[in-house]
N, C-alpha and C. Protein backbone atom coordinates (compact mmCIF):
# COMPACT_ATOMS: atom_id res chain seq x y z
N UNK A 1 -12.89 7.88 10.95
CA UNK A 1 -13.27 8.61 9.91
C UNK A 1 -13.57 7.92 9.15
N UNK A 2 -14.62 7.28 8.29
CA UNK A 2 -14.94 5.76 7.65
C UNK A 2 -14.65 6.36 5.44
N UNK A 3 -15.19 5.44 5.07
CA UNK A 3 -15.02 5.98 3.65
C UNK A 3 -15.07 5.04 2.78
N UNK A 4 -16.32 5.13 1.63
CA UNK A 4 -16.47 4.17 1.02
C UNK A 4 -15.76 3.83 0.42
N UNK A 5 -15.36 2.38 -0.35
CA UNK A 5 -14.42 2.32 -1.40
C UNK A 5 -15.38 2.00 -2.28
N UNK A 6 -14.92 2.22 -3.37
CA UNK A 6 -16.34 1.91 -4.91
C UNK A 6 -14.85 1.42 -5.16
N UNK A 7 -14.74 -0.49 -6.45
CA UNK A 7 -13.88 -0.64 -7.40
C UNK A 7 -14.56 -0.94 -8.32
N UNK A 8 -14.03 0.14 -9.78
CA UNK A 8 -14.99 0.46 -10.71
C UNK A 8 -13.88 0.56 -11.50
N UNK A 9 -14.76 -0.02 -12.88
CA UNK A 9 -13.57 -0.78 -14.42
C UNK A 9 -13.88 0.32 -15.23
N UNK A 10 -13.07 0.99 -16.32
CA UNK A 10 -14.41 1.86 -17.70
C UNK A 10 -15.53 0.38 -18.06
N UNK A 11 -15.53 1.35 -18.98
CA UNK A 11 -16.97 0.33 -19.80
C UNK A 11 -16.37 0.53 -20.82
N UNK A 12 -16.07 1.78 -21.50
CA UNK A 12 -15.10 1.01 -22.38
C UNK A 12 -13.68 -0.18 -22.83
N UNK A 13 -12.80 -0.09 -21.65
CA UNK A 13 -12.35 -1.37 -21.02
C UNK A 13 -12.16 -1.57 -19.67
N UNK A 14 -12.64 -2.53 -19.97
CA UNK A 14 -13.00 -3.31 -18.33
C UNK A 14 -11.89 -3.41 -18.12
N UNK A 15 -10.76 -3.66 -18.34
CA UNK A 15 -9.19 -4.55 -17.86
C UNK A 15 -8.38 -2.34 -17.00
N UNK A 16 -9.29 -2.02 -17.00
CA UNK A 16 -8.40 -0.90 -16.44
C UNK A 16 -9.87 -0.40 -15.08
N UNK A 17 -9.64 -0.31 -14.30
CA UNK A 17 -9.98 -0.47 -13.29
C UNK A 17 -9.57 0.35 -11.56
N UNK A 18 -9.91 1.28 -10.59
CA UNK A 18 -9.65 1.60 -9.63
C UNK A 18 -10.62 2.00 -9.34
N UNK A 19 -10.00 1.85 -7.83
CA UNK A 19 -10.82 2.39 -5.91
C UNK A 19 -10.78 4.02 -6.25
N UNK A 20 -11.87 3.84 -5.53
CA UNK A 20 -12.69 5.23 -5.51
C UNK A 20 -13.45 5.52 -4.23
N UNK A 21 -12.87 6.54 -4.01
CA UNK A 21 -13.35 6.61 -2.40
C UNK A 21 -14.15 7.77 -2.69
N UNK A 22 -15.47 7.78 -1.01
CA UNK A 22 -16.65 8.39 -1.06
C UNK A 22 -16.58 8.55 0.19
N UNK A 23 -15.73 10.08 0.75
CA UNK A 23 -15.83 9.58 2.18
C UNK A 23 -16.98 10.06 2.80
N UNK A 24 -17.38 9.26 4.13
CA UNK A 24 -18.47 9.18 4.37
C UNK A 24 -17.66 11.08 5.99
N UNK A 25 -19.82 10.71 6.87
CA UNK A 25 -19.12 12.21 7.84
C UNK A 25 -18.34 11.55 9.34
N UNK A 26 -17.98 12.07 9.87
CA UNK A 26 -16.94 11.85 11.53
C UNK A 26 -17.97 10.68 12.05
N UNK A 27 -18.73 10.88 12.47
CA UNK A 27 -19.53 10.38 13.10
C UNK A 27 -19.82 8.40 12.21
N UNK A 28 -19.74 8.41 11.30
CA UNK A 28 -20.23 7.13 11.10
C UNK A 28 -19.11 6.37 11.28
N UNK A 29 -19.76 5.26 11.66
CA UNK A 29 -18.73 4.07 11.70
C UNK A 29 -18.59 2.62 10.50
N UNK A 30 -18.08 2.03 11.43
CA UNK A 30 -18.01 0.91 9.52
C UNK A 30 -19.23 -0.48 9.87
N UNK A 31 -19.44 -0.27 11.08
CA UNK A 31 -21.28 -0.91 11.08
C UNK A 31 -22.56 -0.20 10.43
N UNK A 32 -22.68 1.56 10.79
CA UNK A 32 -23.23 1.86 9.72
C UNK A 32 -23.14 2.66 8.87
N UNK A 33 -21.95 2.27 7.93
CA UNK A 33 -21.34 2.70 6.72
C UNK A 33 -21.77 1.45 6.07
N UNK A 34 -21.88 -0.06 5.79
CA UNK A 34 -22.75 -0.17 5.59
C UNK A 34 -24.68 -0.30 4.31
N UNK A 35 -24.79 0.23 5.52
CA UNK A 35 -26.35 0.79 5.14
C UNK A 35 -26.12 2.22 4.77
N UNK A 36 -25.40 3.33 5.95
CA UNK A 36 -24.84 4.60 4.50
C UNK A 36 -25.04 4.76 3.34
N UNK A 37 -24.22 3.53 3.25
CA UNK A 37 -22.85 3.50 1.78
C UNK A 37 -24.66 3.26 0.29
N UNK A 38 -26.07 2.44 0.51
CA UNK A 38 -26.13 2.54 -0.07
C UNK A 38 -26.31 2.82 -1.69
N UNK A 39 -27.06 4.67 -0.78
CA UNK A 39 -27.61 5.90 -1.10
C UNK A 39 -26.90 6.15 -2.36
N UNK A 40 -25.38 6.05 -2.27
CA UNK A 40 -23.75 6.04 -2.67
C UNK A 40 -24.36 5.71 -3.91
N UNK A 41 -23.96 4.89 -3.55
CA UNK A 41 -24.20 4.00 -4.93
C UNK A 41 -24.55 4.37 -5.52
N UNK A 42 -25.92 4.57 -6.41
CA UNK A 42 -26.04 4.80 -8.05
C UNK A 42 -25.84 6.37 -8.02
N UNK A 43 -25.61 7.06 -6.40
CA UNK A 43 -25.72 8.76 -7.32
C UNK A 43 -24.84 8.45 -7.92
N UNK A 44 -23.25 7.93 -6.88
CA UNK A 44 -21.53 7.23 -7.72
C UNK A 44 -21.81 7.13 -8.96
N UNK A 45 -22.58 5.76 -9.62
CA UNK A 45 -22.54 6.04 -10.79
C UNK A 45 -23.33 7.04 -11.39
N UNK A 46 -24.33 7.68 -11.68
CA UNK A 46 -24.43 8.38 -12.36
C UNK A 46 -23.39 9.26 -12.51
N UNK A 47 -22.86 10.02 -11.71
CA UNK A 47 -22.33 11.17 -11.84
C UNK A 47 -21.06 10.26 -12.01
N UNK A 48 -20.83 9.70 -12.44
CA UNK A 48 -19.44 8.58 -13.38
C UNK A 48 -19.51 7.39 -14.28
N UNK A 49 -20.28 7.83 -15.63
CA UNK A 49 -21.16 7.31 -16.58
C UNK A 49 -20.00 6.51 -17.73
N UNK A 50 -18.77 6.61 -17.44
CA UNK A 50 -17.59 5.66 -18.33
C UNK A 50 -17.26 4.68 -17.43
N UNK A 51 -17.29 4.58 -15.68
CA UNK A 51 -16.76 3.20 -14.69
C UNK A 51 -17.80 2.88 -14.41
N UNK A 52 -17.66 1.57 -14.34
CA UNK A 52 -19.11 0.94 -14.09
C UNK A 52 -18.95 -0.45 -12.31
N UNK A 53 -19.36 -0.23 -11.61
CA UNK A 53 -19.46 -1.06 -10.50
C UNK A 53 -19.00 -1.38 -9.69
N UNK A 54 -17.81 -2.48 -9.06
CA UNK A 54 -18.25 -3.37 -9.87
C UNK A 54 -17.78 -4.67 -8.07
N UNK A 55 -17.15 -3.86 -7.39
CA UNK A 55 -17.43 -4.59 -5.80
C UNK A 55 -17.08 -2.43 -4.98
N UNK A 56 -17.73 -3.04 -4.27
CA UNK A 56 -17.00 -1.68 -2.87
C UNK A 56 -16.92 -2.65 -1.50
N UNK A 57 -16.74 -1.55 -0.60
CA UNK A 57 -16.86 -2.24 0.75
C UNK A 57 -16.19 -0.76 1.51
N UNK A 58 -16.71 -0.71 2.50
CA UNK A 58 -15.69 -0.08 3.69
C UNK A 58 -14.95 0.06 4.78
N UNK A 59 -14.01 1.22 4.79
CA UNK A 59 -12.50 1.23 4.89
C UNK A 59 -12.24 2.12 5.87
N UNK A 60 -11.29 1.89 6.12
CA UNK A 60 -10.90 3.42 7.02
C UNK A 60 -10.49 5.09 6.32
N UNK A 61 -10.91 5.95 6.61
CA UNK A 61 -10.35 6.78 6.07
C UNK A 61 -8.68 6.90 5.64
N UNK A 62 -8.24 7.72 4.72
CA UNK A 62 -6.59 8.19 4.92
C UNK A 62 -6.89 9.21 4.63
N UNK A 63 -5.35 9.49 4.63
CA UNK A 63 -4.95 11.48 5.41
C UNK A 63 -5.66 11.46 2.84
N UNK A 64 -6.32 11.86 1.86
CA UNK A 64 -6.64 11.58 0.98
C UNK A 64 -7.74 12.30 1.09
N UNK A 65 -8.25 11.42 1.57
CA UNK A 65 -10.04 10.99 1.99
C UNK A 65 -10.16 12.71 2.66
N UNK A 66 -8.88 13.83 3.52
CA UNK A 66 -9.82 14.48 4.36
C UNK A 66 -9.74 15.63 3.18
């Protein structure tokens, strides 16, 4: 399983940054994740207005994402 890892920082305090994980469907591989991630990013940003996305990547999901 693959997850989108969004690295974001607080708008009010840019020195506070955190990785947020968005798990994808079981059949998504790392190549497909690059394309699948695009629509998730603006939705995530809209749902988390106090955070600013700095970068993102695809990575293997871990037990916390399941």
